[in-house]
Amino acid sequence: MSAEKVVRVRDVMMNNYAIVEGLITVAEAIEIAKQRQVKALIVNKRNDDDEYGIVLMNDIAKKKYWRLIARRSERMCTRS
């Protein structure tokens, strides 16, 4: 009988991430994720009694916020 190898969370977790404040916009979050080349953002605690949060770029894509941001960017470009 062979022993199964134990795979720990630390062995598969991402090592690159960015910490952001919860009040930033989705557009700002996407820009930070692009600049830092990360797919997850840790949302900082507001106070000592609060908890950390996480937002994945997949979450944003699933909610289709990127479409709103793209439309807004197009409008800004056509105004120039």
C-alpha atoms as a PDB file:
ATOM      1  CA  MET A   1       0.000   0.000   0.000  1.00  0.00           C
ATOM      2  CA  SER A   2       1.525   3.332  -1.055  1.00  0.00           C
ATOM      3  CA  ALA A   3       1.205   6.488   0.995  1.00  0.00           C
ATOM      4  CA  GLU A   4      -0.594   9.379  -0.676  1.00  0.00           C
ATOM      5  CA  LYS A   5       1.355  12.602  -0.906  1.00  0.00           C
ATOM      6  CA  VAL A   6      -0.175  15.360   1.190  1.00  0.00           C
ATOM      7  CA  VAL A   7      -0.673  18.549  -0.783  1.00  0.00           C
ATOM      8  CA  ARG A   8      -0.926  21.592   1.440  1.00  0.00           C
ATOM      9  CA  VAL A   9      -2.626  24.894   0.673  1.00  0.00           C
ATOM     10  CA  ARG A  10       0.715  26.696   0.823  1.00  0.00           C
ATOM     11  CA  ASP A  11       1.895  24.460  -2.021  1.00  0.00           C
ATOM     12  CA  VAL A  12      -0.803  25.699  -4.406  1.00  0.00           C
ATOM     13  CA  MET A  13      -1.589  29.221  -3.225  1.00  0.00           C
ATOM     14  CA  MET A  14      -0.686  32.283  -5.254  1.00  0.00           C
ATOM     15  CA  ASN A  15       2.340  34.224  -4.104  1.00  0.00           C
ATOM     16  CA  ASN A  16       1.576  37.388  -6.021  1.00  0.00           C
ATOM     17  CA  TYR A  17      -1.319  39.593  -4.979  1.00  0.00           C
ATOM     18  CA  ALA A  18      -2.192  43.210  -4.259  1.00  0.00           C
ATOM     19  CA  ILE A  19      -3.947  44.718  -1.264  1.00  0.00           C
ATOM     20  CA  VAL A  20      -6.569  47.383  -1.996  1.00  0.00           C
ATOM     21  CA  GLU A  21      -9.070  49.456  -0.047  1.00  0.00           C
ATOM     22  CA  GLY A  22     -12.717  48.440  -0.303  1.00  0.00           C
ATOM     23  CA  LEU A  23     -13.846  51.868  -1.481  1.00  0.00           C
ATOM     24  CA  ILE A  24     -11.944  51.863  -4.769  1.00  0.00           C
ATOM     25  CA  THR A  25     -13.929  51.482  -7.974  1.00  0.00           C
ATOM     26  CA  VAL A  26     -14.041  48.366 -10.101  1.00  0.00           C
ATOM     27  CA  ALA A  27     -12.168  50.268 -12.818  1.00  0.00           C
ATOM     28  CA  GLU A  28      -9.403  51.112 -10.346  1.00  0.00           C
ATOM     29  CA  ALA A  29      -9.286  47.497  -9.178  1.00  0.00           C
ATOM     30  CA  ILE A  30      -8.877  46.268 -12.748  1.00  0.00           C
ATOM     31  CA  GLU A  31      -6.109  48.801 -13.381  1.00  0.00           C
ATOM     32  CA  ILE A  32      -4.230  47.742 -10.234  1.00  0.00           C
ATOM     33  CA  ALA A  33      -4.602  44.069 -11.175  1.00  0.00           C
ATOM     34  CA  LYS A  34      -3.234  44.801 -14.664  1.00  0.00           C
ATOM     35  CA  GLN A  35      -0.302  46.815 -13.346  1.00  0.00           C
ATOM     36  CA  ARG A  36       0.630  44.212 -10.739  1.00  0.00           C
ATOM     37  CA  GLN A  37      -0.204  41.306 -13.093  1.00  0.00           C
ATOM     38  CA  VAL A  38      -2.411  39.569 -10.528  1.00  0.00           C
ATOM     39  CA  LYS A  39      -5.753  37.802 -10.782  1.00  0.00           C
ATOM     40  CA  ALA A  40      -6.785  38.381  -7.167  1.00  0.00           C
ATOM     41  CA  LEU A  41      -6.969  41.440  -4.953  1.00  0.00           C
ATOM     42  CA  ILE A  42      -7.042  41.280  -1.169  1.00  0.00           C
ATOM     43  CA  VAL A  43      -9.471  43.861   0.233  1.00  0.00           C
ATOM     44  CA  ASN A  44      -7.972  45.437   3.333  1.00  0.00           C
ATOM     45  CA  LYS A  45      -9.705  45.525   6.701  1.00  0.00           C
ATOM     46  CA  ARG A  46     -11.433  48.806   7.560  1.00  0.00           C
ATOM     47  CA  ASN A  47     -10.639  48.411  11.244  1.00  0.00           C
ATOM     48  CA  ASP A  48      -9.276  45.850  13.689  1.00  0.00           C
ATOM     49  CA  ASP A  49     -12.686  44.210  14.115  1.00  0.00           C
ATOM     50  CA  ASP A  50     -13.205  43.812  10.361  1.00  0.00           C
ATOM     51  CA  GLU A  51     -12.149  40.924   8.124  1.00  0.00           C
ATOM     52  CA  TYR A  52     -10.096  40.830   4.948  1.00  0.00           C
ATOM     53  CA  GLY A  53     -11.907  40.249   1.687  1.00  0.00           C
ATOM     54  CA  ILE A  54     -10.901  38.972  -1.725  1.00  0.00           C
ATOM     55  CA  VAL A  55     -12.015  39.837  -5.214  1.00  0.00           C
ATOM     56  CA  LEU A  56     -11.007  37.771  -8.215  1.00  0.00           C
ATOM     57  CA  MET A  57     -10.831  39.152 -11.721  1.00  0.00           C
ATOM     58  CA  ASN A  58     -13.152  36.262 -12.602  1.00  0.00           C
ATOM     59  CA  ASP A  59     -15.727  37.733 -10.208  1.00  0.00           C
ATOM     60  CA  ILE A  60     -15.614  41.019 -12.112  1.00  0.00           C
ATOM     61  CA  ALA A  61     -15.836  39.266 -15.468  1.00  0.00           C
ATOM     62  CA  LYS A  62     -18.790  37.135 -14.386  1.00  0.00           C
ATOM     63  CA  LYS A  63     -20.723  40.191 -13.281  1.00  0.00           C
ATOM     64  CA  LYS A  64     -19.908  41.863 -16.607  1.00  0.00           C
ATOM     65  CA  TYR A  65     -18.648  45.045 -14.970  1.00  0.00           C
ATOM     66  CA  TRP A  66     -15.951  45.142 -17.617  1.00  0.00           C
ATOM     67  CA  ARG A  67     -18.602  46.008 -20.217  1.00  0.00           C
ATOM     68  CA  LEU A  68     -19.644  49.068 -18.246  1.00  0.00           C
ATOM     69  CA  ILE A  69     -16.038  50.131 -17.888  1.00  0.00           C
ATOM     70  CA  ALA A  70     -15.358  49.642 -21.605  1.00  0.00           C
ATOM     71  CA  ARG A  71     -18.404  51.752 -22.517  1.00  0.00           C
ATOM     72  CA  ARG A  72     -17.324  54.498 -20.149  1.00  0.00           C
ATOM     73  CA  SER A  73     -13.803  54.465 -21.632  1.00  0.00           C
ATOM     74  CA  GLU A  74     -15.213  54.689 -25.181  1.00  0.00           C
ATOM     75  CA  ARG A  75     -17.339  57.692 -24.218  1.00  0.00           C
ATOM     76  CA  MET A  76     -14.350  59.412 -22.673  1.00  0.00           C
ATOM     77  CA  CYS A  77     -12.269  58.830 -25.813  1.00  0.00           C
ATOM     78  CA  THR A  78     -14.939  60.230 -28.127  1.00  0.00           C
ATOM     79  CA  ARG A  79     -15.246  63.411 -26.026  1.00  0.00           C
ATOM     80  CA  SER A  80     -11.569  64.304 -26.552  1.00  0.00           C
END
